[in-house]
Amino acid sequence: MTGIYCVIFNLLANAFCYPSNENTSDKFFYAINALARDLGFDTFDEKIDQELLKEHYTRLFINNPFCETAPLYASFYSSKDNLLMQGARDEAKAFYQRAALEPRFEKEPEDFLPTELYFIAELVKKGDVKLLVEFLHHIIGWFPEFKKRLQGLNPHPYYSILAEITLVILNNLYQEVINEKA
């Protein structure tokens, strides 16, 4: 495994967090666009207003009075009735305990997408291949459903590209680690 995955998963985790000065700078957008270009995806306008992204983030992931949202929690996609704080949360929590790591965000459930992406970066850094394979299986089990739901909500191109990039990178890492184990 290469250290570049640590950088990429930290970048993606930050990108899926609520827009702030840290994840809406020109430098940050340039990095996401560079990754998109490297993977053959369309790019987005790098001059995105932070307030506009906050509106889209809220509409897509938190609350939209006019239609559904795409919650950033594994349990929503893994539970039969789209409930939060269900089995996938407990599963994520168990993974963190096995790795002797604390979740990145104290105010979010353990199955929050940015937390899970940060965790992947930490597993790559630690070189814990066995746990990484298991955790990738966990996240790949729900992320495609999240991506499909997000794409159905007419997302801002930035979030659409993020979902595309994330799924490709998750699958690439999974294949790389499986091949390494063999």
C-alpha atoms as a PDB file:
ATOM      1  CA  MET A   1       0.000   0.000   0.000  1.00  0.00           C
ATOM      2  CA  THR A   2       1.203   3.433  -0.741  1.00  0.00           C
ATOM      3  CA  GLY A   3       1.150   6.496   1.480  1.00  0.00           C
ATOM      4  CA  ILE A   4      -0.736   8.365  -1.228  1.00  0.00           C
ATOM      5  CA  TYR A   5      -3.890   6.621  -0.025  1.00  0.00           C
ATOM      6  CA  CYS A   6      -3.469   8.322   3.370  1.00  0.00           C
ATOM      7  CA  VAL A   7      -3.412  11.697   1.665  1.00  0.00           C
ATOM      8  CA  ILE A   8      -6.345  10.886  -0.632  1.00  0.00           C
ATOM      9  CA  PHE A   9      -8.607   9.521   2.113  1.00  0.00           C
ATOM     10  CA  ASN A  10      -7.851  12.467   4.396  1.00  0.00           C
ATOM     11  CA  LEU A  11      -8.674  14.793   1.482  1.00  0.00           C
ATOM     12  CA  LEU A  12     -11.952  12.995   0.746  1.00  0.00           C
ATOM     13  CA  ALA A  13     -12.911  12.925   4.422  1.00  0.00           C
ATOM     14  CA  ASN A  14     -12.392  16.686   4.649  1.00  0.00           C
ATOM     15  CA  ALA A  15     -14.350  17.213   1.442  1.00  0.00           C
ATOM     16  CA  PHE A  16     -17.404  15.440   2.874  1.00  0.00           C
ATOM     17  CA  CYS A  17     -17.360  17.630   6.002  1.00  0.00           C
ATOM     18  CA  TYR A  18     -19.491  20.736   6.357  1.00  0.00           C
ATOM     19  CA  PRO A  19     -17.943  23.537   4.245  1.00  0.00           C
ATOM     20  CA  SER A  20     -15.438  25.648   6.168  1.00  0.00           C
ATOM     21  CA  ASN A  21     -12.352  27.686   5.387  1.00  0.00           C
ATOM     22  CA  GLU A  22     -10.301  24.489   5.623  1.00  0.00           C
ATOM     23  CA  ASN A  23     -12.151  22.599   2.895  1.00  0.00           C
ATOM     24  CA  THR A  24     -13.208  25.391   0.541  1.00  0.00           C
ATOM     25  CA  SER A  25      -9.910  27.058  -0.254  1.00  0.00           C
ATOM     26  CA  ASP A  26      -8.654  27.360  -3.815  1.00  0.00           C
ATOM     27  CA  LYS A  27      -5.825  24.981  -2.917  1.00  0.00           C
ATOM     28  CA  PHE A  28      -8.278  22.391  -1.583  1.00  0.00           C
ATOM     29  CA  PHE A  29     -10.512  22.590  -4.681  1.00  0.00           C
ATOM     30  CA  TYR A  30      -7.430  22.363  -6.900  1.00  0.00           C
ATOM     31  CA  ALA A  31      -6.434  19.106  -5.163  1.00  0.00           C
ATOM     32  CA  ILE A  32      -9.898  17.585  -5.648  1.00  0.00           C
ATOM     33  CA  ASN A  33      -9.943  18.645  -9.314  1.00  0.00           C
ATOM     34  CA  ALA A  34      -6.452  17.214  -9.851  1.00  0.00           C
ATOM     35  CA  LEU A  35      -7.623  13.896  -8.419  1.00  0.00           C
ATOM     36  CA  ALA A  36     -10.726  13.991 -10.643  1.00  0.00           C
ATOM     37  CA  ARG A  37      -8.587  14.672 -13.727  1.00  0.00           C
ATOM     38  CA  ASP A  38      -6.179  11.857 -12.821  1.00  0.00           C
ATOM     39  CA  LEU A  39      -9.119   9.451 -12.611  1.00  0.00           C
ATOM     40  CA  GLY A  40     -10.664  10.669 -15.884  1.00  0.00           C
ATOM     41  CA  PHE A  41     -13.651  12.495 -14.381  1.00  0.00           C
ATOM     42  CA  ASP A  42     -15.021  15.890 -15.282  1.00  0.00           C
ATOM     43  CA  THR A  43     -13.837  18.738 -13.141  1.00  0.00           C
ATOM     44  CA  PHE A  44     -15.776  21.575 -11.525  1.00  0.00           C
ATOM     45  CA  ASP A  45     -15.305  25.317 -11.312  1.00  0.00           C
ATOM     46  CA  GLU A  46     -12.663  25.856  -8.642  1.00  0.00           C
ATOM     47  CA  LYS A  47     -14.197  29.177  -7.579  1.00  0.00           C
ATOM     48  CA  ILE A  48     -17.113  27.855  -5.538  1.00  0.00           C
ATOM     49  CA  ASP A  49     -18.552  30.200  -2.970  1.00  0.00           C
ATOM     50  CA  GLN A  50     -18.447  28.730   0.534  1.00  0.00           C
ATOM     51  CA  GLU A  51     -21.980  29.922   1.303  1.00  0.00           C
ATOM     52  CA  LEU A  52     -23.309  28.232  -1.845  1.00  0.00           C
ATOM     53  CA  LEU A  53     -21.629  24.974  -0.827  1.00  0.00           C
ATOM     54  CA  LYS A  54     -23.121  25.276   2.665  1.00  0.00           C
ATOM     55  CA  GLU A  55     -26.596  25.551   1.101  1.00  0.00           C
ATOM     56  CA  HIS A  56     -25.981  22.506  -1.084  1.00  0.00           C
ATOM     57  CA  TYR A  57     -24.446  20.516   1.768  1.00  0.00           C
ATOM     58  CA  THR A  58     -27.441  21.216   4.000  1.00  0.00           C
ATOM     59  CA  ARG A  59     -29.937  20.413   1.224  1.00  0.00           C
ATOM     60  CA  LEU A  60     -28.182  17.203   0.212  1.00  0.00           C
ATOM     61  CA  PHE A  61     -26.986  15.726   3.483  1.00  0.00           C
ATOM     62  CA  ILE A  62     -28.801  17.299   6.435  1.00  0.00           C
ATOM     63  CA  ASN A  63     -32.277  18.661   5.797  1.00  0.00           C
ATOM     64  CA  ASN A  64     -34.371  19.427   2.761  1.00  0.00           C
ATOM     65  CA  PRO A  65     -38.017  20.303   3.368  1.00  0.00           C
ATOM     66  CA  PHE A  66     -38.854  19.691  -0.306  1.00  0.00           C
ATOM     67  CA  CYS A  67     -37.432  16.208  -0.868  1.00  0.00           C
ATOM     68  CA  GLU A  68     -35.225  13.446   0.464  1.00  0.00           C
ATOM     69  CA  THR A  69     -31.620  13.834   1.540  1.00  0.00           C
ATOM     70  CA  ALA A  70     -28.582  11.558   1.276  1.00  0.00           C
ATOM     71  CA  PRO A  71     -27.486  11.179   4.899  1.00  0.00           C
ATOM     72  CA  LEU A  72     -23.764  10.671   5.458  1.00  0.00           C
ATOM     73  CA  TYR A  73     -24.263   7.669   7.779  1.00  0.00           C
ATOM     74  CA  ALA A  74     -23.686   4.000   6.970  1.00  0.00           C
ATOM     75  CA  SER A  75     -26.561   2.849   9.179  1.00  0.00           C
ATOM     76  CA  PHE A  76     -29.077   4.718   6.999  1.00  0.00           C
ATOM     77  CA  TYR A  77     -28.130   2.588   3.982  1.00  0.00           C
ATOM     78  CA  SER A  78     -27.533  -0.634   5.861  1.00  0.00           C
ATOM     79  CA  SER A  79     -30.755  -0.768   7.900  1.00  0.00           C
ATOM     80  CA  LYS A  80     -33.927  -2.135   6.398  1.00  0.00           C
ATOM     81  CA  ASP A  81     -35.957   0.980   7.223  1.00  0.00           C
ATOM     82  CA  ASN A  82     -33.247   3.613   6.610  1.00  0.00           C
ATOM     83  CA  LEU A  83     -32.779   4.270  10.297  1.00  0.00           C
ATOM     84  CA  LEU A  84     -29.783   5.960  11.871  1.00  0.00           C
ATOM     85  CA  MET A  85     -27.751   4.621  14.797  1.00  0.00           C
ATOM     86  CA  GLN A  86     -28.323   0.989  13.781  1.00  0.00           C
ATOM     87  CA  GLY A  87     -26.027  -1.994  13.165  1.00  0.00           C
ATOM     88  CA  ALA A  88     -23.580  -0.277  10.799  1.00  0.00           C
ATOM     89  CA  ARG A  89     -22.816   2.279  13.507  1.00  0.00           C
ATOM     90  CA  ASP A  90     -22.059  -0.485  15.985  1.00  0.00           C
ATOM     91  CA  GLU A  91     -19.974  -2.257  13.355  1.00  0.00           C
ATOM     92  CA  ALA A  92     -17.911   0.888  12.716  1.00  0.00           C
ATOM     93  CA  LYS A  93     -17.468   1.405  16.451  1.00  0.00           C
ATOM     94  CA  ALA A  94     -16.197  -2.159  16.817  1.00  0.00           C
ATOM     95  CA  PHE A  95     -13.669  -1.582  14.026  1.00  0.00           C
ATOM     96  CA  TYR A  96     -12.330   1.531  15.765  1.00  0.00           C
ATOM     97  CA  GLN A  97     -12.007  -0.390  19.024  1.00  0.00           C
ATOM     98  CA  ARG A  98     -10.157  -3.248  17.325  1.00  0.00           C
ATOM     99  CA  ALA A  99      -7.696  -0.735  15.856  1.00  0.00           C
ATOM    100  CA  ALA A 100      -7.370   1.047  19.212  1.00  0.00           C
ATOM    101  CA  LEU A 101      -8.398   4.312  17.535  1.00  0.00           C
ATOM    102  CA  GLU A 102     -10.951   6.887  18.547  1.00  0.00           C
ATOM    103  CA  PRO A 103     -13.463   8.207  15.994  1.00  0.00           C
ATOM    104  CA  ARG A 104     -12.382  11.516  14.483  1.00  0.00           C
ATOM    105  CA  PHE A 105     -15.585  13.395  15.351  1.00  0.00           C
ATOM    106  CA  GLU A 106     -16.967  13.208  18.886  1.00  0.00           C
ATOM    107  CA  LYS A 107     -20.270  14.869  17.996  1.00  0.00           C
ATOM    108  CA  GLU A 108     -21.107  12.494  15.129  1.00  0.00           C
ATOM    109  CA  PRO A 109     -22.087   8.820  15.211  1.00  0.00           C
ATOM    110  CA  GLU A 110     -19.250   6.445  14.430  1.00  0.00           C
ATOM    111  CA  ASP A 111     -20.656   5.608  10.993  1.00  0.00           C
ATOM    112  CA  PHE A 112     -20.356   9.205   9.709  1.00  0.00           C
ATOM    113  CA  LEU A 113     -18.757   9.054   6.250  1.00  0.00           C
ATOM    114  CA  PRO A 114     -15.871  11.449   6.993  1.00  0.00           C
ATOM    115  CA  THR A 115     -15.031   9.436  10.118  1.00  0.00           C
ATOM    116  CA  GLU A 116     -14.952   6.229   8.112  1.00  0.00           C
ATOM    117  CA  LEU A 117     -12.748   7.809   5.427  1.00  0.00           C
ATOM    118  CA  TYR A 118     -10.328   9.132   8.056  1.00  0.00           C
ATOM    119  CA  PHE A 119     -10.252   5.657   9.588  1.00  0.00           C
ATOM    120  CA  ILE A 120      -9.220   4.128   6.268  1.00  0.00           C
ATOM    121  CA  ALA A 121      -6.316   6.590   6.096  1.00  0.00           C
ATOM    122  CA  GLU A 122      -5.260   5.535   9.605  1.00  0.00           C
ATOM    123  CA  LEU A 123      -5.438   1.827   8.743  1.00  0.00           C
ATOM    124  CA  VAL A 124      -3.330   2.430   5.647  1.00  0.00           C
ATOM    125  CA  LYS A 125      -0.806   4.343   7.758  1.00  0.00           C
ATOM    126  CA  LYS A 126      -0.702   1.540  10.346  1.00  0.00           C
ATOM    127  CA  GLY A 127      -0.390  -1.097   7.626  1.00  0.00           C
ATOM    128  CA  ASP A 128      -3.134  -3.230   9.180  1.00  0.00           C
ATOM    129  CA  VAL A 129      -4.096  -5.070   5.992  1.00  0.00           C
ATOM    130  CA  LYS A 130      -6.461  -7.596   7.593  1.00  0.00           C
ATOM    131  CA  LEU A 131      -8.546  -4.946   9.342  1.00  0.00           C
ATOM    132  CA  LEU A 132      -8.390  -2.687   6.293  1.00  0.00           C
ATOM    133  CA  VAL A 133      -9.850  -5.395   4.047  1.00  0.00           C
ATOM    134  CA  GLU A 134     -12.665  -5.989   6.530  1.00  0.00           C
ATOM    135  CA  PHE A 135     -13.384  -2.280   6.881  1.00  0.00           C
ATOM    136  CA  LEU A 136     -13.313  -1.688   3.133  1.00  0.00           C
ATOM    137  CA  HIS A 137     -15.845  -4.492   2.790  1.00  0.00           C
ATOM    138  CA  HIS A 138     -18.012  -2.634   5.339  1.00  0.00           C
ATOM    139  CA  ILE A 139     -17.877   0.744   3.569  1.00  0.00           C
ATOM    140  CA  ILE A 140     -18.130  -0.663   0.037  1.00  0.00           C
ATOM    141  CA  GLY A 141     -21.256  -2.445   1.262  1.00  0.00           C
ATOM    142  CA  TRP A 142     -23.148   0.816   1.711  1.00  0.00           C
ATOM    143  CA  PHE A 143     -21.339   3.560  -0.199  1.00  0.00           C
ATOM    144  CA  PRO A 144     -22.740   2.698  -3.686  1.00  0.00           C
ATOM    145  CA  GLU A 145     -26.269   3.118  -2.324  1.00  0.00           C
ATOM    146  CA  PHE A 146     -25.294   6.493  -0.864  1.00  0.00           C
ATOM    147  CA  LYS A 147     -23.800   7.545  -4.210  1.00  0.00           C
ATOM    148  CA  LYS A 148     -26.924   6.454  -6.094  1.00  0.00           C
ATOM    149  CA  ARG A 149     -29.179   8.357  -3.708  1.00  0.00           C
ATOM    150  CA  LEU A 150     -26.967  11.453  -3.878  1.00  0.00           C
ATOM    151  CA  GLN A 151     -26.914  11.435  -7.689  1.00  0.00           C
ATOM    152  CA  GLY A 152     -30.720  11.299  -7.685  1.00  0.00           C
ATOM    153  CA  LEU A 153     -30.893  14.580  -5.735  1.00  0.00           C
ATOM    154  CA  ASN A 154     -29.357  16.768  -8.451  1.00  0.00           C
ATOM    155  CA  PRO A 155     -26.231  17.529  -6.435  1.00  0.00           C
ATOM    156  CA  HIS A 156     -23.827  20.366  -7.033  1.00  0.00           C
ATOM    157  CA  PRO A 157     -21.152  19.065  -9.470  1.00  0.00           C
ATOM    158  CA  TYR A 158     -18.594  19.216  -6.663  1.00  0.00           C
ATOM    159  CA  TYR A 159     -20.477  16.657  -4.550  1.00  0.00           C
ATOM    160  CA  SER A 160     -21.292  14.518  -7.569  1.00  0.00           C
ATOM    161  CA  ILE A 161     -17.596  14.323  -8.481  1.00  0.00           C
ATOM    162  CA  LEU A 162     -16.637  13.628  -4.848  1.00  0.00           C
ATOM    163  CA  ALA A 163     -18.949  10.619  -4.746  1.00  0.00           C
ATOM    164  CA  GLU A 164     -17.581   9.310  -8.056  1.00  0.00           C
ATOM    165  CA  ILE A 165     -13.964   9.743  -6.956  1.00  0.00           C
ATOM    166  CA  THR A 166     -14.590   8.151  -3.561  1.00  0.00           C
ATOM    167  CA  LEU A 167     -16.168   5.018  -4.987  1.00  0.00           C
ATOM    168  CA  VAL A 168     -13.355   4.529  -7.492  1.00  0.00           C
ATOM    169  CA  ILE A 169     -10.669   5.075  -4.855  1.00  0.00           C
ATOM    170  CA  LEU A 170     -12.390   2.703  -2.407  1.00  0.00           C
ATOM    171  CA  ASN A 171     -12.567  -0.003  -5.067  1.00  0.00           C
ATOM    172  CA  ASN A 172      -8.985   0.620  -6.219  1.00  0.00           C
ATOM    173  CA  LEU A 173      -7.645   0.328  -2.689  1.00  0.00           C
ATOM    174  CA  TYR A 174      -9.721  -2.789  -2.047  1.00  0.00           C
ATOM    175  CA  GLN A 175      -8.349  -4.465  -5.186  1.00  0.00           C
ATOM    176  CA  GLU A 176      -4.810  -3.421  -4.337  1.00  0.00           C
ATOM    177  CA  VAL A 177      -5.025  -4.804  -0.796  1.00  0.00           C
ATOM    178  CA  ILE A 178      -6.673  -8.033  -1.927  1.00  0.00           C
ATOM    179  CA  ASN A 179      -3.940  -8.548  -4.545  1.00  0.00           C
ATOM    180  CA  GLU A 180      -1.289  -7.747  -1.932  1.00  0.00           C
ATOM    181  CA  LYS A 181      -2.756 -10.352   0.443  1.00  0.00           C
ATOM    182  CA  ALA A 182      -2.767 -13.046  -2.244  1.00  0.00           C
END
